[in-house]
């Protein structure tokens, strides 16, 4: 195994996405994120909090573009919560 060096990257680096993302792309991306968090054991309310927190850049960007109703609707679908 390779020895660690002082300049080895140890943190995730995000790459900004274009702002002109269509609804279908945001829907699919958000659904995948929600499913991943759900499978990791997050509750629906915890997933919703991730979308409103700027630290989680991709979910937050979707939340800013599409609004809370969009995100809540997808969370309810994924978690099987009745409207």
PDB file of N, CA and C in Angstrom:
ATOM      1  N   UNK A   1       0.826  -1.166   0.000  1.00  0.00           N
ATOM      2  CA  UNK A   1       0.000   0.000   0.000  1.00  0.00           C
ATOM      3  C   UNK A   1       0.883   1.247   0.000  1.00  0.00           C
ATOM      4  N   UNK A   2       0.464   2.251  -0.740  1.00  0.00           N
ATOM      5  CA  UNK A   2       1.221   3.494  -0.870  1.00  0.00           C
ATOM      6  C   UNK A   2       1.222   4.279   0.447  1.00  0.00           C
ATOM      7  N   UNK A   3       2.350   4.850   0.792  1.00  0.00           N
ATOM      8  CA  UNK A   3       2.454   5.708   1.970  1.00  0.00           C
ATOM      9  C   UNK A   3       1.699   7.019   1.716  1.00  0.00           C
ATOM     10  N   UNK A   4       1.025   7.526   2.756  1.00  0.00           N
ATOM     11  CA  UNK A   4       0.339   8.806   2.628  1.00  0.00           C
ATOM     12  C   UNK A   4       1.348   9.935   2.561  1.00  0.00           C
ATOM     13  N   UNK A   5       1.069  10.889   1.698  1.00  0.00           N
ATOM     14  CA  UNK A   5       1.925  12.056   1.562  1.00  0.00           C
ATOM     15  C   UNK A   5       1.160  13.293   2.022  1.00  0.00           C
ATOM     16  N   UNK A   6       1.875  14.322   2.419  1.00  0.00           N
ATOM     17  CA  UNK A   6       1.245  15.519   2.979  1.00  0.00           C
ATOM     18  C   UNK A   6       0.314  16.216   1.983  1.00  0.00           C
ATOM     19  N   UNK A   7       0.547  16.052   0.688  1.00  0.00           N
ATOM     20  CA  UNK A   7      -0.303  16.734  -0.294  1.00  0.00           C
ATOM     21  C   UNK A   7      -1.401  15.828  -0.862  1.00  0.00           C
ATOM     22  N   UNK A   8      -1.591  14.622  -0.291  1.00  0.00           N
ATOM     23  CA  UNK A   8      -2.685  13.752  -0.723  1.00  0.00           C
ATOM     24  C   UNK A   8      -4.017  14.379  -0.324  1.00  0.00           C
ATOM     25  N   UNK A   9      -4.998  14.358  -1.217  1.00  0.00           N
ATOM     26  CA  UNK A   9      -6.302  14.945  -0.867  1.00  0.00           C
ATOM     27  C   UNK A   9      -7.064  14.033   0.096  1.00  0.00           C
ATOM     28  N   UNK A  10      -7.553  14.598   1.186  1.00  0.00           N
ATOM     29  CA  UNK A  10      -8.289  13.836   2.192  1.00  0.00           C
ATOM     30  C   UNK A  10      -9.741  14.287   2.320  1.00  0.00           C
ATOM     31  N   UNK A  11     -10.164  15.226   1.523  1.00  0.00           N
ATOM     32  CA  UNK A  11     -11.525  15.706   1.634  1.00  0.00           C
ATOM     33  C   UNK A  11     -12.199  15.717   0.273  1.00  0.00           C
ATOM     34  N   UNK A  12     -13.532  15.644   0.307  1.00  0.00           N
ATOM     35  CA  UNK A  12     -14.299  15.693  -0.921  1.00  0.00           C
ATOM     36  C   UNK A  12     -14.233  17.097  -1.503  1.00  0.00           C
ATOM     37  N   UNK A  13     -14.187  17.167  -2.813  1.00  0.00           N
ATOM     38  CA  UNK A  13     -14.167  18.447  -3.493  1.00  0.00           C
ATOM     39  C   UNK A  13     -15.370  18.478  -4.429  1.00  0.00           C
ATOM     40  N   UNK A  14     -16.220  19.458  -4.243  1.00  0.00           N
ATOM     41  CA  UNK A  14     -17.412  19.586  -5.078  1.00  0.00           C
ATOM     42  C   UNK A  14     -17.094  20.402  -6.315  1.00  0.00           C
ATOM     43  N   UNK A  15     -17.765  20.079  -7.396  1.00  0.00           N
ATOM     44  CA  UNK A  15     -17.631  20.821  -8.636  1.00  0.00           C
ATOM     45  C   UNK A  15     -18.978  21.468  -8.924  1.00  0.00           C
ATOM     46  N   UNK A  16     -19.012  22.786  -9.098  1.00  0.00           N
ATOM     47  CA  UNK A  16     -20.295  23.442  -9.349  1.00  0.00           C
ATOM     48  C   UNK A  16     -20.932  22.967 -10.655  1.00  0.00           C
ATOM     49  N   UNK A  17     -22.249  22.920 -10.638  1.00  0.00           N
ATOM     50  CA  UNK A  17     -22.995  22.527 -11.832  1.00  0.00           C
ATOM     51  C   UNK A  17     -23.589  23.765 -12.482  1.00  0.00           C
ATOM     52  N   UNK A  18     -23.906  23.646 -13.749  1.00  0.00           N
ATOM     53  CA  UNK A  18     -24.530  24.757 -14.468  1.00  0.00           C
ATOM     54  C   UNK A  18     -25.873  25.097 -13.843  1.00  0.00           C
ATOM     55  N   UNK A  19     -26.268  26.355 -13.910  1.00  0.00           N
ATOM     56  CA  UNK A  19     -27.518  26.791 -13.295  1.00  0.00           C
ATOM     57  C   UNK A  19     -28.751  26.517 -14.166  1.00  0.00           C
ATOM     58  N   UNK A  20     -28.579  26.237 -15.426  1.00  0.00           N
ATOM     59  CA  UNK A  20     -29.724  26.016 -16.320  1.00  0.00           C
ATOM     60  C   UNK A  20     -30.082  24.528 -16.410  1.00  0.00           C
ATOM     61  N   UNK A  21     -30.357  23.931 -15.261  1.00  0.00           N
ATOM     62  CA  UNK A  21     -30.670  22.509 -15.182  1.00  0.00           C
ATOM     63  C   UNK A  21     -32.173  22.332 -15.321  1.00  0.00           C
ATOM     64  N   UNK A  22     -32.574  21.388 -16.152  1.00  0.00           N
ATOM     65  CA  UNK A  22     -34.005  21.198 -16.386  1.00  0.00           C
ATOM     66  C   UNK A  22     -34.673  20.445 -15.241  1.00  0.00           C
ATOM     67  N   UNK A  23     -35.986  20.480 -15.236  1.00  0.00           N
ATOM     68  CA  UNK A  23     -36.778  19.887 -14.172  1.00  0.00           C
ATOM     69  C   UNK A  23     -36.550  18.380 -14.066  1.00  0.00           C
ATOM     70  N   UNK A  24     -36.460  17.695 -15.198  1.00  0.00           N
ATOM     71  CA  UNK A  24     -36.261  16.242 -15.185  1.00  0.00           C
ATOM     72  C   UNK A  24     -34.941  15.866 -14.516  1.00  0.00           C
ATOM     73  N   UNK A  25     -33.900  16.622 -14.783  1.00  0.00           N
ATOM     74  CA  UNK A  25     -32.598  16.346 -14.179  1.00  0.00           C
ATOM     75  C   UNK A  25     -32.640  16.579 -12.673  1.00  0.00           C
ATOM     76  N   UNK A  26     -33.247  17.706 -12.267  1.00  0.00           N
ATOM     77  CA  UNK A  26     -33.366  17.971 -10.831  1.00  0.00           C
ATOM     78  C   UNK A  26     -34.221  16.902 -10.141  1.00  0.00           C
ATOM     79  N   UNK A  27     -35.281  16.461 -10.783  1.00  0.00           N
ATOM     80  CA  UNK A  27     -36.146  15.429 -10.199  1.00  0.00           C
ATOM     81  C   UNK A  27     -35.388  14.126  -9.977  1.00  0.00           C
ATOM     82  N   UNK A  28     -34.673  13.695 -10.993  1.00  0.00           N
ATOM     83  CA  UNK A  28     -33.929  12.441 -10.902  1.00  0.00           C
ATOM     84  C   UNK A  28     -32.799  12.539  -9.879  1.00  0.00           C
ATOM     85  N   UNK A  29     -32.082  13.651  -9.890  1.00  0.00           N
ATOM     86  CA  UNK A  29     -30.985  13.843  -8.947  1.00  0.00           C
ATOM     87  C   UNK A  29     -31.501  13.879  -7.509  1.00  0.00           C
ATOM     88  N   UNK A  30     -32.553  14.655  -7.279  1.00  0.00           N
ATOM     89  CA  UNK A  30     -33.112  14.763  -5.929  1.00  0.00           C
ATOM     90  C   UNK A  30     -33.634  13.417  -5.448  1.00  0.00           C
ATOM     91  N   UNK A  31     -34.324  12.695  -6.318  1.00  0.00           N
ATOM     92  CA  UNK A  31     -34.853  11.378  -5.940  1.00  0.00           C
ATOM     93  C   UNK A  31     -33.710  10.432  -5.557  1.00  0.00           C
ATOM     94  N   UNK A  32     -32.641  10.435  -6.330  1.00  0.00           N
ATOM     95  CA  UNK A  32     -31.491   9.573  -6.010  1.00  0.00           C
ATOM     96  C   UNK A  32     -30.866   9.955  -4.672  1.00  0.00           C
ATOM     97  N   UNK A  33     -30.733  11.256  -4.421  1.00  0.00           N
ATOM     98  CA  UNK A  33     -30.177  11.703  -3.141  1.00  0.00           C
ATOM     99  C   UNK A  33     -31.081  11.277  -1.983  1.00  0.00           C
ATOM    100  N   UNK A  34     -32.367  11.488  -2.136  1.00  0.00           N
ATOM    101  CA  UNK A  34     -33.324  11.125  -1.088  1.00  0.00           C
ATOM    102  C   UNK A  34     -33.287   9.624  -0.825  1.00  0.00           C
ATOM    103  N   UNK A  35     -33.284   8.825  -1.889  1.00  0.00           N
ATOM    104  CA  UNK A  35     -33.228   7.365  -1.732  1.00  0.00           C
ATOM    105  C   UNK A  35     -31.941   6.943  -1.023  1.00  0.00           C
ATOM    106  N   UNK A  36     -30.836   7.558  -1.383  1.00  0.00           N
ATOM    107  CA  UNK A  36     -29.548   7.213  -0.764  1.00  0.00           C
ATOM    108  C   UNK A  36     -29.561   7.523   0.726  1.00  0.00           C
ATOM    109  N   UNK A  37     -30.049   8.701   1.081  1.00  0.00           N
ATOM    110  CA  UNK A  37     -30.132   9.053   2.498  1.00  0.00           C
ATOM    111  C   UNK A  37     -31.107   8.141   3.233  1.00  0.00           C
ATOM    112  N   UNK A  38     -32.225   7.824   2.611  1.00  0.00           N
ATOM    113  CA  UNK A  38     -33.211   6.935   3.236  1.00  0.00           C
ATOM    114  C   UNK A  38     -32.604   5.556   3.489  1.00  0.00           C
ATOM    115  N   UNK A  39     -31.890   5.037   2.514  1.00  0.00           N
ATOM    116  CA  UNK A  39     -31.254   3.729   2.670  1.00  0.00           C
ATOM    117  C   UNK A  39     -30.132   3.757   3.715  1.00  0.00           C
ATOM    118  N   UNK A  40     -29.602   4.946   3.983  1.00  0.00           N
ATOM    119  CA  UNK A  40     -28.557   5.097   4.996  1.00  0.00           C
ATOM    120  C   UNK A  40     -29.133   5.254   6.397  1.00  0.00           C
ATOM    121  N   UNK A  41     -30.463   5.269   6.497  1.00  0.00           N
ATOM    122  CA  UNK A  41     -31.099   5.331   7.805  1.00  0.00           C
ATOM    123  C   UNK A  41     -31.622   6.683   8.229  1.00  0.00           C
ATOM    124  N   UNK A  42     -31.559   7.665   7.348  1.00  0.00           N
ATOM    125  CA  UNK A  42     -32.080   8.985   7.677  1.00  0.00           C
ATOM    126  C   UNK A  42     -33.605   8.959   7.693  1.00  0.00           C
ATOM    127  N   UNK A  43     -34.211   9.705   8.599  1.00  0.00           N
ATOM    128  CA  UNK A  43     -35.663   9.890   8.617  1.00  0.00           C
ATOM    129  C   UNK A  43     -36.035  10.957   7.586  1.00  0.00           C
ATOM    130  N   UNK A  44     -37.300  10.979   7.205  1.00  0.00           N
ATOM    131  CA  UNK A  44     -37.765  11.947   6.207  1.00  0.00           C
ATOM    132  C   UNK A  44     -37.466  13.384   6.638  1.00  0.00           C
ATOM    133  N   UNK A  45     -37.670  13.684   7.907  1.00  0.00           N
ATOM    134  CA  UNK A  45     -37.406  15.047   8.390  1.00  0.00           C
ATOM    135  C   UNK A  45     -35.919  15.391   8.331  1.00  0.00           C
ATOM    136  N   UNK A  46     -35.071  14.406   8.569  1.00  0.00           N
ATOM    137  CA  UNK A  46     -33.627  14.640   8.479  1.00  0.00           C
ATOM    138  C   UNK A  46     -33.208  14.898   7.036  1.00  0.00           C
ATOM    139  N   UNK A  47     -33.809  14.171   6.103  1.00  0.00           N
ATOM    140  CA  UNK A  47     -33.497  14.395   4.688  1.00  0.00           C
ATOM    141  C   UNK A  47     -33.948  15.790   4.273  1.00  0.00           C
ATOM    142  N   UNK A  48     -35.130  16.189   4.714  1.00  0.00           N
ATOM    143  CA  UNK A  48     -35.626  17.533   4.399  1.00  0.00           C
ATOM    144  C   UNK A  48     -34.664  18.596   4.922  1.00  0.00           C
ATOM    145  N   UNK A  49     -34.124  18.378   6.105  1.00  0.00           N
ATOM    146  CA  UNK A  49     -33.169  19.331   6.679  1.00  0.00           C
ATOM    147  C   UNK A  49     -31.909  19.452   5.831  1.00  0.00           C
ATOM    148  N   UNK A  50     -31.471  18.354   5.226  1.00  0.00           N
ATOM    149  CA  UNK A  50     -30.271  18.400   4.381  1.00  0.00           C
ATOM    150  C   UNK A  50     -30.474  19.334   3.192  1.00  0.00           C
ATOM    151  N   UNK A  51     -31.680  19.322   2.627  1.00  0.00           N
ATOM    152  CA  UNK A  51     -31.967  20.158   1.468  1.00  0.00           C
ATOM    153  C   UNK A  51     -31.989  21.645   1.829  1.00  0.00           C
ATOM    154  N   UNK A  52     -32.257  21.965   3.077  1.00  0.00           N
ATOM    155  CA  UNK A  52     -32.318  23.372   3.484  1.00  0.00           C
ATOM    156  C   UNK A  52     -31.007  23.878   4.068  1.00  0.00           C
ATOM    157  N   UNK A  53     -30.011  23.011   4.132  1.00  0.00           N
ATOM    158  CA  UNK A  53     -28.719  23.371   4.710  1.00  0.00           C
ATOM    159  C   UNK A  53     -27.698  23.613   3.604  1.00  0.00           C
ATOM    160  N   UNK A  54     -27.153  24.816   3.574  1.00  0.00           N
ATOM    161  CA  UNK A  54     -26.210  25.195   2.511  1.00  0.00           C
ATOM    162  C   UNK A  54     -24.961  24.324   2.483  1.00  0.00           C
ATOM    163  N   UNK A  55     -24.609  23.706   3.598  1.00  0.00           N
ATOM    164  CA  UNK A  55     -23.425  22.842   3.654  1.00  0.00           C
ATOM    165  C   UNK A  55     -23.550  21.668   2.683  1.00  0.00           C
ATOM    166  N   UNK A  56     -24.765  21.216   2.419  1.00  0.00           N
ATOM    167  CA  UNK A  56     -25.018  20.125   1.464  1.00  0.00           C
ATOM    168  C   UNK A  56     -25.347  20.770   0.124  1.00  0.00           C
ATOM    169  N   UNK A  57     -24.325  21.097  -0.624  1.00  0.00           N
ATOM    170  CA  UNK A  57     -24.468  21.984  -1.786  1.00  0.00           C
ATOM    171  C   UNK A  57     -25.406  21.474  -2.874  1.00  0.00           C
ATOM    172  N   UNK A  58     -25.341  20.202  -3.211  1.00  0.00           N
ATOM    173  CA  UNK A  58     -26.201  19.723  -4.299  1.00  0.00           C
ATOM    174  C   UNK A  58     -27.675  19.696  -3.896  1.00  0.00           C
ATOM    175  N   UNK A  59     -28.030  19.075  -2.765  1.00  0.00           N
ATOM    176  CA  UNK A  59     -29.435  19.130  -2.372  1.00  0.00           C
ATOM    177  C   UNK A  59     -29.924  20.564  -2.161  1.00  0.00           C
ATOM    178  N   UNK A  60     -29.076  21.400  -1.587  1.00  0.00           N
ATOM    179  CA  UNK A  60     -29.479  22.784  -1.319  1.00  0.00           C
ATOM    180  C   UNK A  60     -29.702  23.554  -2.618  1.00  0.00           C
ATOM    181  N   UNK A  61     -28.869  23.318  -3.617  1.00  0.00           N
ATOM    182  CA  UNK A  61     -29.044  23.988  -4.911  1.00  0.00           C
ATOM    183  C   UNK A  61     -30.380  23.596  -5.544  1.00  0.00           C
ATOM    184  N   UNK A  62     -30.735  22.326  -5.441  1.00  0.00           N
ATOM    185  CA  UNK A  62     -32.028  21.873  -5.964  1.00  0.00           C
ATOM    186  C   UNK A  62     -33.158  22.549  -5.195  1.00  0.00           C
ATOM    187  N   UNK A  63     -33.038  22.612  -3.890  1.00  0.00           N
ATOM    188  CA  UNK A  63     -34.036  23.267  -3.044  1.00  0.00           C
ATOM    189  C   UNK A  63     -34.203  24.736  -3.444  1.00  0.00           C
ATOM    190  N   UNK A  64     -33.107  25.415  -3.696  1.00  0.00           N
ATOM    191  CA  UNK A  64     -33.172  26.823  -4.082  1.00  0.00           C
ATOM    192  C   UNK A  64     -33.808  27.012  -5.459  1.00  0.00           C
ATOM    193  N   UNK A  65     -33.505  26.105  -6.396  1.00  0.00           N
ATOM    194  CA  UNK A  65     -34.067  26.227  -7.744  1.00  0.00           C
ATOM    195  C   UNK A  65     -35.547  25.866  -7.785  1.00  0.00           C
ATOM    196  N   UNK A  66     -35.931  24.806  -7.056  1.00  0.00           N
ATOM    197  CA  UNK A  66     -37.279  24.237  -7.216  1.00  0.00           C
ATOM    198  C   UNK A  66     -38.227  24.538  -6.067  1.00  0.00           C
ATOM    199  N   UNK A  67     -37.696  24.919  -4.928  1.00  0.00           N
ATOM    200  CA  UNK A  67     -38.536  25.296  -3.801  1.00  0.00           C
ATOM    201  C   UNK A  67     -38.899  24.142  -2.887  1.00  0.00           C
ATOM    202  N   UNK A  68     -39.469  24.492  -1.727  1.00  0.00           N
ATOM    203  CA  UNK A  68     -39.774  23.477  -0.718  1.00  0.00           C
ATOM    204  C   UNK A  68     -40.857  22.482  -1.146  1.00  0.00           C
ATOM    205  N   UNK A  69     -41.861  22.922  -1.878  1.00  0.00           N
ATOM    206  CA  UNK A  69     -42.937  22.002  -2.286  1.00  0.00           C
ATOM    207  C   UNK A  69     -42.406  20.870  -3.161  1.00  0.00           C
ATOM    208  N   UNK A  70     -41.482  21.196  -4.044  1.00  0.00           N
ATOM    209  CA  UNK A  70     -40.864  20.207  -4.921  1.00  0.00           C
ATOM    210  C   UNK A  70     -40.135  19.147  -4.100  1.00  0.00           C
ATOM    211  N   UNK A  71     -39.321  19.602  -3.154  1.00  0.00           N
ATOM    212  CA  UNK A  71     -38.523  18.695  -2.332  1.00  0.00           C
ATOM    213  C   UNK A  71     -39.418  17.849  -1.425  1.00  0.00           C
ATOM    214  N   UNK A  72     -40.356  18.475  -0.764  1.00  0.00           N
ATOM    215  CA  UNK A  72     -41.248  17.746   0.144  1.00  0.00           C
ATOM    216  C   UNK A  72     -42.046  16.692  -0.613  1.00  0.00           C
ATOM    217  N   UNK A  73     -42.492  17.019  -1.807  1.00  0.00           N
ATOM    218  CA  UNK A  73     -43.248  16.061  -2.619  1.00  0.00           C
ATOM    219  C   UNK A  73     -42.414  14.814  -2.926  1.00  0.00           C
ATOM    220  N   UNK A  74     -41.169  15.001  -3.316  1.00  0.00           N
ATOM    221  CA  UNK A  74     -40.296  13.861  -3.614  1.00  0.00           C
ATOM    222  C   UNK A  74     -39.982  13.050  -2.363  1.00  0.00           C
ATOM    223  N   UNK A  75     -39.754  13.732  -1.249  1.00  0.00           N
ATOM    224  CA  UNK A  75     -39.481  13.029   0.005  1.00  0.00           C
ATOM    225  C   UNK A  75     -40.682  12.169   0.390  1.00  0.00           C
ATOM    226  N   UNK A  76     -41.876  12.727   0.256  1.00  0.00           N
ATOM    227  CA  UNK A  76     -43.087  11.953   0.579  1.00  0.00           C
ATOM    228  C   UNK A  76     -43.229  10.746  -0.328  1.00  0.00           C
ATOM    229  N   UNK A  77     -42.926  10.901  -1.615  1.00  0.00           N
ATOM    230  CA  UNK A  77     -42.999   9.763  -2.544  1.00  0.00           C
ATOM    231  C   UNK A  77     -42.021   8.676  -2.147  1.00  0.00           C
ATOM    232  N   UNK A  78     -40.778   9.058  -1.913  1.00  0.00           N
ATOM    233  CA  UNK A  78     -39.732   8.084  -1.605  1.00  0.00           C
ATOM    234  C   UNK A  78     -40.024   7.352  -0.284  1.00  0.00           C
ATOM    235  N   UNK A  79     -40.473   8.100   0.705  1.00  0.00           N
ATOM    236  CA  UNK A  79     -40.735   7.509   2.019  1.00  0.00           C
ATOM    237  C   UNK A  79     -42.134   6.897   2.128  1.00  0.00           C
ATOM    238  N   UNK A  80     -42.950   7.046   1.084  1.00  0.00           N
ATOM    239  CA  UNK A  80     -44.294   6.467   1.104  1.00  0.00           C
ATOM    240  C   UNK A  80     -45.227   7.159   2.075  1.00  0.00           C
ATOM    241  N   UNK A  81     -45.029   8.462   2.217  1.00  0.00           N
ATOM    242  CA  UNK A  81     -45.878   9.240   3.128  1.00  0.00           C
ATOM    243  C   UNK A  81     -47.060   9.777   2.327  1.00  0.00           C
ATOM    244  N   UNK A  82     -48.272   9.567   2.861  1.00  0.00           N
ATOM    245  CA  UNK A  82     -49.467  10.090   2.202  1.00  0.00           C
ATOM    246  C   UNK A  82     -49.453  11.595   2.255  1.00  0.00           C
ATOM    247  N   UNK A  83     -49.957  12.173   1.215  1.00  0.00           N
ATOM    248  CA  UNK A  83     -49.978  13.639   1.121  1.00  0.00           C
ATOM    249  C   UNK A  83     -50.948  14.186   2.059  1.00  0.00           C
TER     250      UNK A  83
END
